[in-house]
Protein backbone atom coordinates (compact mmCIF):
# COMPACT_ATOMS: atom_id res chain seq x y z
CA MET A 1 10.08 5.80 -21.35
CA ASN A 2 12.77 3.42 -22.70
CA LYS A 3 14.37 0.65 -20.66
CA ASN A 4 17.62 2.54 -20.06
CA LYS A 5 15.78 5.49 -18.55
CA LEU A 6 13.67 3.13 -16.47
CA ILE A 7 16.76 1.51 -14.97
CA LEU A 8 18.25 4.89 -14.15
CA ARG A 9 15.07 6.00 -12.45
CA ILE A 10 14.67 2.83 -10.38
CA PRO A 11 18.04 2.07 -8.75
CA PHE A 12 17.09 -1.21 -7.12
CA ILE A 13 15.35 -2.82 -10.08
CA SER A 14 16.71 -6.08 -11.45
CA LEU A 15 16.42 -7.81 -14.77
CA PHE A 16 14.26 -10.41 -13.07
CA CYS A 17 11.73 -7.78 -12.10
CA LEU A 18 11.65 -6.35 -15.61
CA LEU A 19 10.46 -9.74 -16.80
CA LEU A 20 7.59 -9.79 -14.29
CA THR A 21 5.28 -7.34 -16.02
CA GLY A 22 2.29 -9.65 -15.87
CA LEU A 23 2.91 -10.55 -12.24
CA GLN A 24 3.35 -6.92 -11.21
CA ALA A 25 -0.10 -6.11 -12.53
CA GLN A 26 -1.70 -8.65 -10.21
CA SER A 27 -3.07 -8.09 -6.74
CA LEU A 28 -1.90 -10.27 -3.87
CA ARG A 29 -5.43 -11.67 -3.55
CA ALA A 30 -5.37 -12.71 -7.21
CA LEU A 31 -2.04 -14.47 -6.75
CA LEU A 32 -3.44 -16.41 -3.81
CA GLU A 33 -6.25 -17.73 -6.01
CA GLU A 34 -3.71 -19.38 -8.29
CA GLU A 35 -3.16 -22.04 -5.58
CA LYS A 36 0.61 -21.63 -5.41
CA THR A 37 2.53 -21.48 -2.15
CA LEU A 38 3.93 -17.95 -1.95
CA VAL A 39 7.17 -17.40 -0.03
CA PHE A 40 7.87 -14.20 1.90
CA ALA A 41 11.27 -13.10 3.17
CA HIS A 42 11.20 -12.63 6.95
CA ARG A 43 12.10 -9.05 7.96
CA GLY A 44 12.81 -8.24 4.33
CA ALA A 45 16.05 -10.24 4.11
CA VAL A 46 16.88 -13.36 2.10
CA ASN A 47 19.06 -14.69 4.93
CA PRO A 48 19.89 -13.67 8.51
CA GLU A 49 23.33 -12.36 7.48
CA ILE A 50 21.71 -9.46 5.60
CA PRO A 51 20.57 -6.45 7.70
CA GLU A 52 16.86 -6.82 8.38
CA ASN A 53 14.28 -4.16 7.49
CA SER A 54 16.72 -2.32 5.24
CA MET A 55 17.00 -0.94 1.73
CA LYS A 56 20.03 -3.20 1.35
CA GLY A 57 17.81 -6.16 2.17
CA MET A 58 15.33 -5.07 -0.50
CA LYS A 59 18.07 -4.85 -3.12
CA GLN A 60 19.44 -8.28 -2.18
CA ALA A 61 15.93 -9.74 -2.36
CA LEU A 62 15.36 -8.32 -5.84
CA ASP A 63 18.75 -9.54 -7.01
CA SER A 64 17.80 -13.00 -5.70
CA GLY A 65 14.46 -13.03 -7.51
CA MET A 66 12.42 -12.46 -4.33
CA TYR A 67 9.58 -9.95 -4.64
CA MET A 68 7.63 -10.77 -1.47
CA LEU A 69 8.90 -9.26 1.79
CA GLU A 70 7.65 -9.25 5.37
CA ILE A 71 8.65 -6.04 7.20
CA ASP A 72 8.14 -4.46 10.62
CA ILE A 73 6.97 -0.93 11.40
CA MET A 74 7.46 1.29 14.43
CA GLU A 75 6.62 4.94 15.16
CA SER A 76 8.92 7.75 16.31
CA GLN A 77 8.24 10.27 19.05
CA ASP A 78 6.84 12.74 16.51
CA GLY A 79 4.74 10.20 14.64
CA ILE A 80 6.96 9.22 11.70
CA LEU A 81 6.97 5.55 10.68
CA TYR A 82 10.21 3.58 10.34
CA LEU A 83 11.20 0.02 9.53
CA LEU A 84 12.20 -1.59 12.82
CA HIS A 85 11.34 -4.85 14.55
CA ASP A 86 12.24 -4.07 18.18
CA ARG A 87 10.89 -1.30 20.36
CA THR A 88 14.50 -0.40 21.10
CA LEU A 89 17.17 0.72 18.65
CA ASP A 90 20.11 -1.08 20.24
CA ARG A 91 20.19 -4.36 18.30
CA THR A 92 20.01 -3.15 14.70
CA THR A 93 21.12 0.51 14.79
CA PHE A 94 23.84 2.62 16.35
CA GLY A 95 21.28 4.23 18.64
CA THR A 96 20.09 3.22 22.09
CA GLY A 97 16.76 3.21 23.88
CA ASN A 98 13.16 3.17 22.67
CA ILE A 99 12.40 4.50 19.20
CA SER A 100 9.37 6.24 20.73
CA ASP A 101 11.79 8.50 22.62
CA TRP A 102 13.56 9.63 19.45
CA SER A 103 12.46 12.38 17.04
CA SER A 104 12.51 11.84 13.28
CA LYS A 105 15.20 14.52 12.96
CA ASP A 106 17.58 12.33 14.94
CA LEU A 107 16.38 9.01 13.50
CA ASP A 108 16.94 10.21 9.94
CA ASN A 109 20.64 10.51 10.78
CA LEU A 110 20.87 7.23 12.69
CA GLY A 111 22.99 4.54 11.02
CA LEU A 112 21.73 1.01 10.46
CA LYS A 113 24.24 -1.67 11.44
CA GLY A 114 25.74 -3.64 8.57
CA THR A 115 24.88 -0.99 5.99
CA GLU A 116 25.92 2.47 4.87
CA GLU A 117 22.32 3.63 5.15
CA GLN A 118 20.22 5.28 7.82
CA LEU A 119 17.22 3.76 9.52
CA PRO A 120 14.69 3.67 6.65
CA ARG A 121 11.44 5.57 6.74
CA PHE A 122 8.44 3.42 5.88
CA ALA A 123 7.29 5.95 3.25
CA ASP A 124 10.64 5.78 1.45
CA PHE A 125 10.67 1.99 1.54
CA LEU A 126 7.12 1.93 0.18
CA ALA A 127 8.07 4.16 -2.74
CA GLU A 128 10.88 1.80 -3.75
CA ALA A 129 8.66 -1.24 -3.23
CA ALA A 130 5.96 0.23 -5.47
CA GLN A 131 8.44 1.06 -8.24
CA ASN A 132 9.91 -2.43 -8.09
CA GLY A 133 6.61 -4.31 -8.08
CA LEU A 134 6.98 -5.84 -4.63
CA PHE A 135 4.36 -7.43 -2.41
CA LEU A 136 4.61 -6.62 1.30
CA MET A 137 3.48 -8.27 4.51
CA LEU A 138 3.23 -5.58 7.19
CA ASP A 139 3.80 -6.34 10.86
CA VAL A 140 2.87 -3.04 12.52
CA LYS A 141 4.52 -3.24 15.90
CA ASN A 142 3.60 0.09 17.44
CA ALA A 143 1.79 2.60 15.23
CA PRO A 144 -1.80 3.55 14.36
CA LEU A 145 -3.05 1.40 11.51
CA ASP A 146 -4.81 4.28 9.79
CA LYS A 147 -1.50 6.14 9.49
CA VAL A 148 0.16 3.06 8.01
CA LEU A 149 -2.62 2.41 5.51
CA ASN A 150 -2.84 6.04 4.44
CA LEU A 151 0.79 5.81 3.33
CA VAL A 152 0.10 2.49 1.61
CA GLU A 153 -2.81 4.04 -0.27
CA ALA A 154 -0.69 7.06 -1.27
CA ALA A 155 1.85 4.63 -2.76
CA ASP A 156 -0.95 2.81 -4.64
CA MET A 157 -0.05 -0.42 -2.83
CA LEU A 158 -3.32 -1.39 -1.10
CA ASP A 159 -3.82 -4.47 -3.28
CA ARG A 160 -0.20 -5.53 -2.85
CA ILE A 161 0.01 -5.70 0.93
CA LEU A 162 -1.17 -8.02 3.68
CA LEU A 163 -1.54 -6.63 7.19
CA LEU A 164 -0.72 -8.96 10.07
CA THR A 165 -2.80 -8.74 13.24
CA PHE A 166 -2.31 -10.89 16.33
CA SER A 167 -5.25 -9.91 18.54
CA LEU A 168 -8.98 -9.38 18.13
CA GLU A 169 -8.59 -5.71 19.10
CA ARG A 170 -5.98 -5.08 16.43
CA ALA A 171 -8.02 -6.94 13.84
CA GLN A 172 -11.08 -4.85 14.66
CA GLU A 173 -8.98 -1.71 14.24
CA ALA A 174 -8.07 -2.95 10.76
CA PHE A 175 -11.65 -3.92 9.89
CA ALA A 176 -12.87 -0.45 10.86
CA LEU A 177 -10.69 1.29 8.28
CA ASN A 178 -12.23 2.46 5.01
CA HIS A 179 -9.40 0.98 2.98
CA ARG A 180 -9.82 -2.41 1.29
CA PHE A 181 -6.83 -4.69 1.79
CA LEU A 182 -5.92 -8.18 3.00
CA VAL A 183 -5.97 -8.64 6.77
CA SER A 184 -4.40 -11.65 8.47
CA VAL A 185 -5.78 -12.80 11.83
CA LEU A 186 -4.11 -15.22 14.22
CA VAL A 187 -6.26 -18.28 14.93
CA LYS A 188 -5.38 -20.68 17.74
CA GLU A 189 -8.78 -22.26 18.43
CA GLU A 190 -11.48 -23.47 16.03
CA GLU A 191 -14.18 -21.17 17.44
CA GLU A 192 -12.08 -18.14 16.51
CA PHE A 193 -12.84 -18.71 12.81
CA ASP A 194 -16.49 -17.74 13.28
CA GLU A 195 -15.57 -14.85 15.56
CA TYR A 196 -13.30 -13.24 13.00
CA LEU A 197 -15.66 -13.94 10.11
CA CYS A 198 -18.46 -12.20 11.99
CA LYS A 199 -16.29 -9.20 12.85
CA SER A 200 -14.99 -8.72 9.32
CA ASN A 201 -16.99 -6.55 6.93
CA ASP A 202 -15.43 -8.29 3.92
CA PRO A 203 -14.48 -11.97 4.42
CA TYR A 204 -12.91 -11.99 0.94
CA GLN A 205 -10.18 -9.75 2.38
CA LEU A 206 -9.56 -12.05 5.35
CA ALA A 207 -6.60 -14.42 5.73
CA VAL A 208 -5.64 -16.71 8.61
CA TYR A 209 -2.27 -17.01 10.32
CA LEU A 210 -1.74 -20.46 11.81
CA ASN A 211 1.27 -21.33 13.94
CA LYS A 212 3.65 -23.86 12.43
CA ASP A 213 2.83 -26.32 15.22
CA ALA A 214 -0.94 -25.73 15.17
CA ASP A 215 -3.26 -28.72 14.96
CA LEU A 216 -3.65 -29.82 11.34
CA MET A 217 -7.40 -29.69 11.89
CA LEU A 218 -7.17 -25.89 11.91
CA TYR A 219 -5.47 -25.95 8.52
CA ASP A 220 -8.26 -28.17 7.17
CA ARG A 221 -10.95 -25.90 8.57
CA ALA A 222 -9.39 -22.81 7.02
CA LYS A 223 -9.26 -24.54 3.64
CA LYS A 224 -12.92 -25.56 3.86
CA LEU A 225 -13.85 -21.96 4.65
CA GLY A 226 -11.87 -20.75 1.64
CA LEU A 227 -9.55 -18.59 3.75
CA PRO A 228 -5.94 -18.11 2.65
CA ILE A 229 -3.50 -19.64 5.15
CA ILE A 230 -0.27 -18.03 6.30
CA THR A 231 2.35 -19.79 8.39
CA ASP A 232 6.11 -19.67 8.93
CA VAL A 233 9.11 -21.95 9.17
CA MET A 234 11.49 -19.74 11.16
CA GLY A 235 13.56 -21.50 13.77
CA ASN A 236 14.11 -25.26 13.75
CA ILE A 237 12.36 -25.95 10.44
CA ASP A 238 14.48 -23.37 8.61
CA ARG A 239 17.66 -24.71 10.20
CA GLN A 240 16.77 -28.32 9.38
CA GLY A 241 15.61 -27.40 5.89
CA MET A 242 19.03 -25.95 5.12
CA ASP A 243 20.56 -29.40 5.54
CA ASP A 244 17.62 -31.50 4.38
CA PRO A 245 15.25 -29.74 1.92
CA THR A 246 12.72 -32.56 2.26
CA ILE A 247 11.85 -31.05 5.68
CA TYR A 248 10.47 -28.00 3.88
CA ARG A 249 8.57 -30.11 1.38
CA GLU A 250 7.00 -32.38 4.00
CA PHE A 251 5.97 -29.40 6.14
CA VAL A 252 4.16 -27.74 3.24
CA GLN A 253 2.58 -30.93 1.93
CA LYS A 254 1.02 -31.66 5.34
CA ARG A 255 -0.42 -28.17 5.78
CA ASN A 256 -0.97 -26.85 2.26
CA PRO A 257 -0.52 -23.17 3.25
CA ASP A 258 -0.92 -20.34 0.77
CA ILE A 259 1.91 -18.25 2.21
CA VAL A 260 5.04 -19.29 4.11
CA VAL A 261 7.43 -16.84 5.78
CA SER A 262 11.07 -17.92 6.02
CA ASP A 263 14.52 -16.72 7.04
CA TYR A 264 15.84 -18.54 3.96
CA PRO A 265 13.16 -17.74 1.36
CA VAL A 266 15.30 -18.32 -1.74
CA ILE A 267 16.10 -21.89 -0.68
CA LEU A 268 12.51 -22.58 0.38
CA LYS A 269 11.13 -21.19 -2.88
CA HIS A 270 13.53 -23.34 -4.88
CA VAL A 271 12.48 -26.47 -2.98
CA LEU A 272 8.77 -25.78 -3.42
CA HIS A 273 8.85 -24.71 -7.06
């Protein structure tokens, strides 16, 4: 297939992505071993002005040279997965009420604010992400993990995603799946490291999410254990970093995380690299 046909087939692809052939062949775990700080776009948008969890956000990210997106997943009344952060539709769509009260037939015709598109199905977003060589961080708000991962496997994206979990119960649900993929667990206390390591069947596929204001000792412990570290700079750090980029640099130098999630990922990436 020549380049012209490729561009026609993949509407959201950018010249930047065409130059990333070597990168696209890598797994997320392999990238983490290169000891670079990877930057993910919070809710799939390169800034808060762009509609979150949208196809438009994906296109803007690709056009900005961002190929790592954090997205949120919710389930409809009839079990179809959609990109949505809140349990309710009110803030980001032209619908009202809980998404769990809506059928996919109605959701597929529901407009997303700030775009000319409908609320995106997770399966459709995955297909575009796979074609464009993206890496995804999945925050599954309210849906069975096996359903989510079955779609990820069908899109051949298991080695390009990281699943966020924020409780031991959710982490155990992830560990029990037959799929092999990166799982992030939230650690707030030092003893939780051993607890999660014992529960996991494959520590190589384990990553640690540490709060931005967590004790630096937890960051050191994660490094000594060889566990990839995820954190975020949303809120005050992002706002301060917009005016003074050294804030970003100092934050990362103190903690040495492997992944940082930001509302302004293009700016953060530029500062760090």
